[in-house]
């Protein structure tokens, strides 16, 4: 059972999310909050697997730090707004538009809980476009080199940056999914990354991923 903490400052919308998720097989809402401070207080005792968070609420950094074992899935009204890059750098595991179909949201929560990263297709296109324009600020890891990575670790990082899941990467490299996870864990340790989302940013900013190629398929 995937445990979800719902954080949104609109009571009616939040109530709808809670009802939707509690009715979904395999999901249970263990708490709800209208602000980040309340969510921080709930994150410890409620032990959520996923925090579903409105991106425009202040206090995202504090909540991300408090949710040490939970993964953050961000809800956004817009295809891409000024908060998305910062949320990505703080370790958000994915972004879903509020206008998404319920099935899409439930699938995103399930995927994020299993360790994957989720972007709505529109958000991915806009995110890549931002990299093409050079709109993103330098990340805390942009100065970190890739020299410590093996060739296979570098390839895994590149494929993660293109948005492939561990299963898809395993198929591409003809290895087991466990092997992919091992390589990715080593990459994150060597590069001092704390989330798959940060690994994607690193793949772009290190030049391993060519944004033009991803933009055509996103």
Foldseek 3Di string as FASTA:
>chain_A
DAEEEEEAQPVVLSVVVQVLQCPDPPYHYQYYYDALVVLLVCLVVSVGQEYEYAQPGPDLLVSLVSNQNHAYEYEYQDLDDPRVVVNLLSAHQEYDYPPDDSVVVVVQSVQVSVAHGYYDVSNLLVVLVCVVVVVDDDHPLLPPDPVVADPVLLVLLLVLLLRDDLVVVCVVVVHDSVVSVVSPVVVCVSSVHDGSSVSNVNCSSNVVYDSVVSNVVD
